[in-house]
């Protein structure tokens, strides 16, 4: 029977038990961001653009300092362009006279 406060869990957030975004995790987020950004140019840009921005930002390590992997920056930039174009399409579709003779 385990006693309260006594045992092997003295440091529950020790180095081996926490999950950090390094290496393959960041690379995966960057690739997912690029795929979302490219797909957003064709369908659902208003949704996939911000997803690409978030994935790119997380893949960069949530900072502008230090080395930045190229796919993460590409995902971030394409996500911003994708979102801006989707907003412009929505604004253009909402103006009066759109589609009239």
C-alpha atoms as a PDB file:
ATOM      1  CA  UNK A   1       0.000   0.000   0.000  1.00  0.00           C
ATOM      2  CA  UNK A   2       1.399   3.381  -0.987  1.00  0.00           C
ATOM      3  CA  UNK A   3       1.684   6.090   1.591  1.00  0.00           C
ATOM      4  CA  UNK A   4       0.682   9.659   0.958  1.00  0.00           C
ATOM      5  CA  UNK A   5       3.542  11.934  -0.060  1.00  0.00           C
ATOM      6  CA  UNK A   6       6.139   9.182   0.152  1.00  0.00           C
ATOM      7  CA  UNK A   7       7.291   7.392  -2.944  1.00  0.00           C
ATOM      8  CA  UNK A   8       8.972   7.732  -6.276  1.00  0.00           C
ATOM      9  CA  UNK A   9       7.007  10.801  -7.381  1.00  0.00           C
ATOM     10  CA  UNK A  10       9.051  13.454  -5.593  1.00  0.00           C
ATOM     11  CA  UNK A  11       9.522  15.407  -8.820  1.00  0.00           C
ATOM     12  CA  UNK A  12       6.503  14.657 -11.035  1.00  0.00           C
ATOM     13  CA  UNK A  13       7.668  17.086 -13.717  1.00  0.00           C
ATOM     14  CA  UNK A  14      11.191  15.834 -13.994  1.00  0.00           C
ATOM     15  CA  UNK A  15      13.060  16.013 -17.263  1.00  0.00           C
ATOM     16  CA  UNK A  16      12.111  12.509 -18.371  1.00  0.00           C
ATOM     17  CA  UNK A  17       8.392  12.886 -17.776  1.00  0.00           C
ATOM     18  CA  UNK A  18       7.629  16.089 -19.597  1.00  0.00           C
ATOM     19  CA  UNK A  19       7.017  16.470 -23.307  1.00  0.00           C
ATOM     20  CA  UNK A  20       8.887  19.161 -25.153  1.00  0.00           C
ATOM     21  CA  UNK A  21       8.517  20.226 -28.777  1.00  0.00           C
ATOM     22  CA  UNK A  22      11.903  19.474 -30.229  1.00  0.00           C
ATOM     23  CA  UNK A  23      13.204  17.783 -33.337  1.00  0.00           C
ATOM     24  CA  UNK A  24      10.618  15.713 -35.188  1.00  0.00           C
ATOM     25  CA  UNK A  25       7.649  17.323 -33.423  1.00  0.00           C
ATOM     26  CA  UNK A  26       8.569  20.763 -34.710  1.00  0.00           C
ATOM     27  CA  UNK A  27       9.320  19.406 -38.165  1.00  0.00           C
ATOM     28  CA  UNK A  28       5.943  17.670 -38.245  1.00  0.00           C
ATOM     29  CA  UNK A  29       4.139  20.852 -37.203  1.00  0.00           C
ATOM     30  CA  UNK A  30       5.947  22.778 -39.924  1.00  0.00           C
ATOM     31  CA  UNK A  31       4.982  20.275 -42.610  1.00  0.00           C
ATOM     32  CA  UNK A  32       1.369  20.208 -41.412  1.00  0.00           C
ATOM     33  CA  UNK A  33       1.346  24.008 -41.532  1.00  0.00           C
ATOM     34  CA  UNK A  34       2.667  24.096 -45.099  1.00  0.00           C
ATOM     35  CA  UNK A  35       0.103  21.516 -46.225  1.00  0.00           C
ATOM     36  CA  UNK A  36      -2.728  23.472 -44.581  1.00  0.00           C
ATOM     37  CA  UNK A  37      -1.531  26.713 -46.181  1.00  0.00           C
ATOM     38  CA  UNK A  38      -1.328  25.234 -49.676  1.00  0.00           C
ATOM     39  CA  UNK A  39      -4.695  23.513 -49.331  1.00  0.00           C
ATOM     40  CA  UNK A  40      -6.165  26.758 -48.014  1.00  0.00           C
ATOM     41  CA  UNK A  41      -5.491  28.482 -51.330  1.00  0.00           C
ATOM     42  CA  UNK A  42      -8.032  26.145 -52.928  1.00  0.00           C
ATOM     43  CA  UNK A  43     -10.619  25.398 -50.212  1.00  0.00           C
ATOM     44  CA  UNK A  44     -11.550  26.809 -46.787  1.00  0.00           C
ATOM     45  CA  UNK A  45      -8.816  29.433 -46.688  1.00  0.00           C
ATOM     46  CA  UNK A  46     -10.483  31.258 -43.822  1.00  0.00           C
ATOM     47  CA  UNK A  47     -10.023  28.154 -41.639  1.00  0.00           C
ATOM     48  CA  UNK A  48      -6.837  26.578 -42.979  1.00  0.00           C
ATOM     49  CA  UNK A  49      -4.933  29.879 -43.084  1.00  0.00           C
ATOM     50  CA  UNK A  50      -5.034  30.462 -39.319  1.00  0.00           C
ATOM     51  CA  UNK A  51      -4.299  26.758 -38.739  1.00  0.00           C
ATOM     52  CA  UNK A  52      -1.166  27.153 -40.864  1.00  0.00           C
ATOM     53  CA  UNK A  53      -0.193  30.286 -38.929  1.00  0.00           C
ATOM     54  CA  UNK A  54      -0.533  28.506 -35.588  1.00  0.00           C
ATOM     55  CA  UNK A  55       1.366  25.426 -36.774  1.00  0.00           C
ATOM     56  CA  UNK A  56       4.157  27.579 -38.196  1.00  0.00           C
ATOM     57  CA  UNK A  57       4.393  29.627 -35.014  1.00  0.00           C
ATOM     58  CA  UNK A  58       4.543  26.522 -32.818  1.00  0.00           C
ATOM     59  CA  UNK A  59       7.123  24.932 -35.113  1.00  0.00           C
ATOM     60  CA  UNK A  60       9.283  28.039 -34.756  1.00  0.00           C
ATOM     61  CA  UNK A  61       9.243  27.588 -31.004  1.00  0.00           C
ATOM     62  CA  UNK A  62       6.881  30.526 -30.358  1.00  0.00           C
ATOM     63  CA  UNK A  63       9.626  33.104 -30.790  1.00  0.00           C
ATOM     64  CA  UNK A  64      11.369  35.111 -33.478  1.00  0.00           C
ATOM     65  CA  UNK A  65      14.797  34.681 -31.871  1.00  0.00           C
ATOM     66  CA  UNK A  66      17.229  31.916 -32.728  1.00  0.00           C
ATOM     67  CA  UNK A  67      17.313  29.669 -35.730  1.00  0.00           C
ATOM     68  CA  UNK A  68      14.058  29.235 -37.582  1.00  0.00           C
ATOM     69  CA  UNK A  69      13.441  26.192 -39.756  1.00  0.00           C
ATOM     70  CA  UNK A  70      12.507  27.110 -43.317  1.00  0.00           C
ATOM     71  CA  UNK A  71       9.257  25.057 -43.468  1.00  0.00           C
ATOM     72  CA  UNK A  72       7.999  26.798 -40.327  1.00  0.00           C
ATOM     73  CA  UNK A  73       8.568  30.250 -41.824  1.00  0.00           C
ATOM     74  CA  UNK A  74       6.993  29.136 -45.119  1.00  0.00           C
ATOM     75  CA  UNK A  75       3.924  27.858 -43.239  1.00  0.00           C
ATOM     76  CA  UNK A  76       3.647  31.119 -41.316  1.00  0.00           C
ATOM     77  CA  UNK A  77       3.990  33.372 -44.374  1.00  0.00           C
ATOM     78  CA  UNK A  78       1.697  31.298 -46.608  1.00  0.00           C
ATOM     79  CA  UNK A  79      -0.858  31.095 -43.795  1.00  0.00           C
ATOM     80  CA  UNK A  80      -0.882  34.888 -43.492  1.00  0.00           C
ATOM     81  CA  UNK A  81      -1.249  35.332 -47.261  1.00  0.00           C
ATOM     82  CA  UNK A  82      -3.962  32.680 -47.344  1.00  0.00           C
ATOM     83  CA  UNK A  83      -5.936  34.331 -44.542  1.00  0.00           C
ATOM     84  CA  UNK A  84      -5.686  37.793 -46.097  1.00  0.00           C
ATOM     85  CA  UNK A  85      -6.853  36.499 -49.488  1.00  0.00           C
ATOM     86  CA  UNK A  86      -9.772  34.645 -47.895  1.00  0.00           C
ATOM     87  CA  UNK A  87     -10.866  37.781 -46.026  1.00  0.00           C
ATOM     88  CA  UNK A  88     -10.614  39.817 -49.234  1.00  0.00           C
ATOM     89  CA  UNK A  89     -12.748  37.221 -51.041  1.00  0.00           C
ATOM     90  CA  UNK A  90     -15.372  37.431 -48.296  1.00  0.00           C
ATOM     91  CA  UNK A  91     -15.386  41.228 -48.445  1.00  0.00           C
ATOM     92  CA  UNK A  92     -15.681  41.133 -52.239  1.00  0.00           C
ATOM     93  CA  UNK A  93     -18.533  38.666 -52.093  1.00  0.00           C
ATOM     94  CA  UNK A  94     -20.429  40.841 -49.625  1.00  0.00           C
ATOM     95  CA  UNK A  95     -20.364  44.030 -51.686  1.00  0.00           C
ATOM     96  CA  UNK A  96     -23.551  45.019 -53.482  1.00  0.00           C
ATOM     97  CA  UNK A  97     -23.646  44.290 -57.158  1.00  0.00           C
ATOM     98  CA  UNK A  98     -21.478  41.229 -56.998  1.00  0.00           C
ATOM     99  CA  UNK A  99     -22.608  38.809 -59.658  1.00  0.00           C
ATOM    100  CA  UNK A 100     -25.124  41.200 -61.157  1.00  0.00           C
ATOM    101  CA  UNK A 101     -25.183  41.616 -64.944  1.00  0.00           C
END
